[in-house]
Amino acid sequence: MPISLRPFRRILGLSSVLAAGVLLAGCQVPFVTDTSRMNPDVFVQETAPVFYVPPYADPPTNQPPPTPGAIPQRRQLYPSDFHQTYGLPVSNPVHRTLYGVVRDEGHTLPAVPYSRIDARYLRQEVDYRTGEAPGTIVVDTRQRFLYFVQPGGKAIRYGVGLGKAGFSWHGRGVIQHKAKWPRWTPPDDMVARQPELRKFAASEGGYNPGLNNPLGARALYIYKDGKDTLYRVHGTPDWQSVGKATSSGCVRMFNQDVIDLFDRVPSGTPIVVI
C-alpha cells in the first residue's frame, strides 16, 4: 500500500522551524556596554523581556493536591490578583504616568515596567531630615537612593543603580555640566584595557546618542574643584540595573527619572555622595 509522506513533511517542517530558532537565538547583536567609569558587564542585556500576565494561571496555594483524575478548577486571574498573589505592587495610575512612553528630542523611550520593580525605587516625595540646603542632590550609596532636597524637611527620592563595591567617588562636588542625549566616549585608560572600544574614542567621534547609548537620555557631570571627576548621574537603557549593584561606576537612573531630575536642577547644583 502507498506510504503517506505527510507525517514526514510535518516533522521536517518542525525541524526547519527549530533550526531557524536556534540560529536566531545565536545572533546576539553586541552593544557598547560601558559608561565613563562603569564596568562593561553591566549591559549584558540592553532590554528586558516584556512583562506578561497570563490570562489563566494557578496561584500558589497551600491546599492539598487534587484527587487523581479530578478536573482542575481554573479561574480568570486579573493583573491585580497576580500582583497581590506574588507580592508585586498593584498598578498605580501615577506610576503609569511617570514611567510611560516618552517622546523626547526625536527619540521614543519605552515605558518602564514599574510593576516589576521594587516600589521603593520608584520616584516619590518623602520626609527627609538633613542638614543639606534645599536644592542639593544627595546620593545615599548604601540605600541606593538619590535625594533632591526640598524645603520643609522633604525630598524627591529616586532609585539609582551603583557599583558592586559601592560608588567609587564620594564627597562634595557640583553638577558643572548637563547634557541631553549625550555622546559617550570611553576614557583613555578604559580603551587601553579594552582595545575594542577604540572605535568609540573621542578621536573617532564617540558613541552616538540614542536608545542604546549607555548614558541614556540625560547626563549630569560631576566636577570637584573645577575638575571633571569622570563620574556622572545619567540615564540607562538597562532599567533592571536600578536599585542594584551591578557595575563599578556612575549613578544610573531610569531614563524617565533622569529627565525629571535634569529639568529640576540647574548647572552648579551641589551634590553630596555619602
Protein backbone atom coordinates (compact mmCIF):
# COMPACT_ATOMS: atom_id res chain seq x y z
CA MET A 1 0.00 0.00 0.00
CA PRO A 2 1.31 3.54 -0.71
CA ILE A 3 3.01 5.28 2.21
CA SER A 4 1.83 8.80 3.05
CA LEU A 5 4.63 11.36 3.27
CA ARG A 6 2.51 13.90 5.13
CA PRO A 7 3.76 12.96 8.66
CA PHE A 8 7.37 13.17 7.47
CA ARG A 9 6.74 16.59 5.92
CA ARG A 10 5.34 17.78 9.22
CA ILE A 11 8.42 16.54 11.07
CA LEU A 12 10.77 18.14 8.53
CA GLY A 13 8.84 21.38 8.70
CA LEU A 14 9.06 21.44 12.51
CA SER A 15 12.78 20.68 12.33
CA SER A 16 13.30 23.64 10.00
CA VAL A 17 11.48 25.97 12.38
CA LEU A 18 13.52 24.73 15.34
CA ALA A 19 16.76 25.08 13.42
CA ALA A 20 15.87 28.64 12.43
CA GLY A 21 15.06 29.42 16.05
CA VAL A 22 18.47 28.14 17.14
CA LEU A 23 20.23 30.28 14.53
CA LEU A 24 18.30 33.39 15.53
CA ALA A 25 18.97 32.76 19.21
CA GLY A 26 22.67 32.78 18.43
CA CYS A 27 22.50 36.12 16.57
CA GLN A 28 23.18 38.34 19.57
CA VAL A 29 23.98 41.87 18.41
CA PRO A 30 26.67 43.24 20.75
CA PHE A 31 26.10 46.66 22.29
CA VAL A 32 28.56 49.06 23.81
CA THR A 33 28.47 48.14 27.45
CA ASP A 34 30.09 50.89 29.41
CA THR A 35 29.96 54.48 30.62
CA SER A 36 32.68 56.77 31.84
CA ARG A 37 33.65 54.65 34.85
CA MET A 38 31.22 51.76 34.56
CA ASN A 39 32.02 48.09 34.36
CA PRO A 40 31.30 47.00 30.77
CA ASP A 41 29.47 43.89 32.00
CA VAL A 42 26.55 45.96 33.29
CA PHE A 43 24.70 45.93 29.99
CA VAL A 44 24.68 42.20 29.37
CA GLN A 45 21.10 42.63 28.20
CA GLU A 46 20.07 46.03 26.88
CA THR A 47 16.34 45.41 27.07
CA ALA A 48 14.35 43.25 29.40
CA PRO A 49 11.61 40.82 28.41
CA VAL A 50 8.12 42.24 28.30
CA PHE A 51 6.20 41.58 31.49
CA TYR A 52 3.44 39.12 30.67
CA VAL A 53 0.47 38.20 32.85
CA PRO A 54 -1.15 35.03 31.51
CA PRO A 55 -4.94 35.11 31.11
CA TYR A 56 -5.22 31.97 33.20
CA ALA A 57 -2.87 30.81 35.92
CA ASP A 58 -2.86 28.78 39.07
CA PRO A 59 -1.78 30.98 42.00
CA PRO A 60 0.36 29.41 44.72
CA THR A 61 -1.72 27.59 47.30
CA ASN A 62 -1.25 25.59 50.48
CA GLN A 63 -4.18 23.35 49.63
CA PRO A 64 -3.54 19.60 49.29
CA PRO A 65 -3.03 18.26 45.76
CA PRO A 66 -6.23 17.42 43.86
CA THR A 67 -7.62 13.94 43.79
CA PRO A 68 -6.12 11.91 40.94
CA GLY A 69 -8.37 12.10 37.90
CA ALA A 70 -10.16 15.23 39.12
CA ILE A 71 -10.60 18.10 36.65
CA PRO A 72 -8.50 21.09 37.84
CA GLN A 73 -10.55 24.21 38.51
CA ARG A 74 -9.22 27.35 36.85
CA ARG A 75 -10.45 30.87 37.25
CA GLN A 76 -9.76 34.11 35.44
CA LEU A 77 -6.72 35.77 37.01
CA TYR A 78 -6.53 39.52 36.61
CA PRO A 79 -3.32 41.58 36.89
CA SER A 80 -4.33 42.93 40.31
CA ASP A 81 -4.78 39.36 41.57
CA PHE A 82 -1.40 38.43 40.17
CA HIS A 83 0.31 41.34 41.90
CA GLN A 84 -1.30 40.57 45.24
CA THR A 85 -0.65 36.84 44.99
CA TYR A 86 3.01 37.22 44.06
CA GLY A 87 3.78 40.22 46.25
CA LEU A 88 4.01 42.80 43.45
CA PRO A 89 2.62 46.33 43.74
CA VAL A 90 -0.84 46.92 42.32
CA SER A 91 -0.88 49.09 39.21
CA ASN A 92 -0.73 52.76 40.18
CA PRO A 93 -2.06 55.37 37.72
CA VAL A 94 0.55 57.85 38.98
CA HIS A 95 3.36 55.43 38.19
CA ARG A 96 1.77 54.70 34.84
CA THR A 97 2.06 58.42 34.07
CA LEU A 98 5.57 58.82 35.47
CA TYR A 99 7.01 55.81 33.67
CA GLY A 100 5.03 55.72 30.45
CA VAL A 101 6.33 56.11 26.91
CA VAL A 102 8.22 59.40 26.45
CA ARG A 103 8.84 61.12 23.12
CA ASP A 104 11.81 63.39 23.57
CA GLU A 105 14.19 65.17 21.19
CA GLY A 106 13.28 62.87 18.32
CA HIS A 107 13.62 59.68 20.41
CA THR A 108 10.86 57.46 21.79
CA LEU A 109 11.69 55.99 25.18
CA PRO A 110 9.81 52.79 26.00
CA ALA A 111 7.72 52.59 29.15
CA VAL A 112 9.43 51.28 32.27
CA PRO A 113 7.65 48.13 33.54
CA TYR A 114 7.24 49.59 37.02
CA SER A 115 5.14 46.66 38.24
CA ARG A 116 8.29 44.53 38.11
CA ILE A 117 10.30 46.97 40.23
CA ASP A 118 10.52 47.30 44.00
CA ALA A 119 8.28 50.29 44.77
CA ARG A 120 11.00 51.79 46.98
CA TYR A 121 12.98 52.68 43.86
CA LEU A 122 10.15 54.49 42.11
CA ARG A 123 10.09 58.29 42.17
CA GLN A 124 8.26 59.75 45.18
CA GLU A 125 8.28 62.61 47.65
CA VAL A 126 9.42 61.55 51.13
CA ASP A 127 10.20 63.02 54.52
CA TYR A 128 13.95 63.67 54.64
CA ARG A 129 15.69 65.36 57.52
CA THR A 130 19.12 66.61 56.55
CA GLY A 131 21.47 69.47 57.16
CA GLU A 132 21.89 69.97 53.41
CA ALA A 133 20.24 73.03 51.89
CA PRO A 134 17.20 72.69 49.63
CA GLY A 135 18.33 72.27 46.03
CA THR A 136 21.15 69.86 46.95
CA ILE A 137 21.48 66.39 45.45
CA VAL A 138 22.36 63.69 47.99
CA VAL A 139 23.31 60.20 46.81
CA ASP A 140 22.98 57.54 49.51
CA THR A 141 25.12 54.70 48.17
CA ARG A 142 24.13 52.27 50.90
CA GLN A 143 20.38 52.58 50.31
CA ARG A 144 20.77 53.24 46.56
CA PHE A 145 18.68 56.38 46.63
CA LEU A 146 19.21 59.82 45.17
CA TYR A 147 17.50 62.64 47.07
CA PHE A 148 16.79 66.08 45.66
CA VAL A 149 16.36 68.09 48.85
CA GLN A 150 13.18 70.22 49.11
CA PRO A 151 12.13 72.83 51.69
CA GLY A 152 10.25 71.77 54.82
CA GLY A 153 12.07 68.52 55.54
CA LYS A 154 11.03 66.91 52.25
CA ALA A 155 12.90 65.44 49.30
CA ILE A 156 12.14 63.90 45.94
CA ARG A 157 13.62 60.42 46.08
CA TYR A 158 14.74 58.38 43.08
CA GLY A 159 16.11 54.86 42.92
CA VAL A 160 19.61 54.51 41.47
CA GLY A 161 21.97 51.77 40.38
CA LEU A 162 25.54 51.81 41.67
CA GLY A 163 28.71 49.75 41.69
CA LYS A 164 29.22 46.31 43.18
CA ALA A 165 31.63 47.73 45.74
CA GLY A 166 29.71 50.98 46.18
CA PHE A 167 30.25 54.26 44.38
CA SER A 168 33.94 54.76 43.61
CA TRP A 169 33.85 58.51 44.18
CA HIS A 170 32.40 60.17 47.27
CA GLY A 171 32.44 63.62 48.76
CA ARG A 172 31.17 67.01 47.67
CA GLY A 173 31.04 68.34 44.16
CA VAL A 174 28.83 70.27 41.77
CA ILE A 175 26.89 69.49 38.64
CA GLN A 176 29.07 71.58 36.38
CA HIS A 177 27.58 70.47 33.07
CA LYS A 178 24.34 68.93 31.82
CA ALA A 179 23.61 67.24 28.51
CA LYS A 180 20.53 65.97 26.70
CA TRP A 181 21.06 62.72 24.80
CA PRO A 182 24.79 62.82 25.49
CA ARG A 183 27.51 61.31 23.36
CA TRP A 184 29.57 58.72 25.23
CA THR A 185 33.35 58.40 24.91
CA PRO A 186 35.36 55.91 26.99
CA PRO A 187 38.36 57.35 28.86
CA ASP A 188 41.86 56.54 27.60
CA ASP A 189 42.64 54.04 30.37
CA MET A 190 39.49 52.08 29.51
CA VAL A 191 40.43 52.00 25.82
CA ALA A 192 43.88 50.74 26.81
CA ARG A 193 42.26 47.85 28.71
CA GLN A 194 39.64 47.17 26.06
CA PRO A 195 41.01 47.93 22.57
CA GLU A 196 37.65 47.03 21.02
CA LEU A 197 36.31 50.31 22.45
CA ARG A 198 38.78 52.37 20.44
CA LYS A 199 36.15 52.93 17.74
CA PHE A 200 34.18 54.94 20.31
CA ALA A 201 37.14 57.07 21.46
CA ALA A 202 36.87 60.85 21.32
CA SER A 203 39.10 60.91 18.24
CA GLU A 204 36.53 58.72 16.47
CA GLY A 205 33.56 60.85 17.48
CA GLY A 206 32.30 58.74 20.40
CA TYR A 207 29.14 56.66 20.67
CA ASN A 208 26.18 58.35 19.02
CA PRO A 209 23.24 59.46 21.18
CA GLY A 210 20.30 57.07 21.13
CA LEU A 211 18.23 54.50 22.96
CA ASN A 212 21.16 52.09 23.41
CA ASN A 213 23.72 54.71 24.42
CA PRO A 214 24.97 53.77 27.92
CA LEU A 215 24.43 57.34 29.18
CA GLY A 216 20.74 57.23 28.37
CA ALA A 217 18.59 60.30 27.78
CA ARG A 218 20.42 62.73 30.09
CA ALA A 219 23.74 63.11 31.88
CA LEU A 220 24.76 65.32 34.81
CA TYR A 221 28.54 65.70 35.01
CA ILE A 222 30.11 65.81 38.48
CA TYR A 223 33.03 68.21 38.99
CA LYS A 224 35.14 68.82 42.08
CA ASP A 225 37.40 71.85 42.49
CA GLY A 226 36.85 72.70 38.84
CA LYS A 227 37.97 69.28 37.56
CA ASP A 228 35.87 66.59 35.92
CA THR A 229 35.65 63.57 38.21
CA LEU A 230 34.63 61.39 35.20
CA TYR A 231 31.57 60.31 37.20
CA ARG A 232 28.04 61.09 36.07
CA VAL A 233 24.46 60.88 37.14
CA HIS A 234 22.82 59.56 33.99
CA GLY A 235 20.04 57.52 32.46
CA THR A 236 20.34 53.92 31.38
CA PRO A 237 18.69 51.63 28.83
CA ASP A 238 19.06 48.81 31.37
CA TRP A 239 16.16 49.56 33.73
CA GLN A 240 16.81 46.32 35.64
CA SER A 241 20.10 47.68 36.99
CA VAL A 242 18.36 50.43 39.01
CA GLY A 243 18.26 49.55 42.70
CA LYS A 244 21.11 47.08 42.24
CA ALA A 245 24.89 46.99 42.43
CA THR A 246 25.91 45.73 39.01
CA SER A 247 28.88 47.83 37.90
CA SER A 248 31.79 49.79 39.31
CA GLY A 249 30.93 53.35 38.45
CA CYS A 250 28.37 56.01 37.73
CA VAL A 251 24.94 56.69 39.25
CA ARG A 252 22.32 55.24 36.91
CA MET A 253 18.65 56.21 36.85
CA PHE A 254 15.55 55.28 34.90
CA ASN A 255 15.52 57.48 31.81
CA GLN A 256 12.15 58.94 32.83
CA ASP A 257 13.61 59.85 36.24
CA VAL A 258 16.83 61.40 34.96
CA ILE A 259 14.78 63.58 32.61
CA ASP A 260 12.71 64.74 35.59
CA LEU A 261 15.83 65.47 37.67
CA PHE A 262 17.54 67.19 34.74
CA ASP A 263 14.64 69.63 34.45
CA ARG A 264 14.74 70.42 38.17
CA VAL A 265 18.45 71.11 38.71
CA PRO A 266 20.46 73.98 37.21
CA SER A 267 24.16 73.84 36.43
CA GLY A 268 26.15 74.47 39.60
CA THR A 269 23.82 72.37 41.75
CA PRO A 270 25.76 70.94 44.73
CA ILE A 271 25.94 67.16 45.01
CA VAL A 272 26.97 65.09 48.02
CA VAL A 273 27.79 61.39 47.69
CA ILE A 274 27.74 59.56 51.03
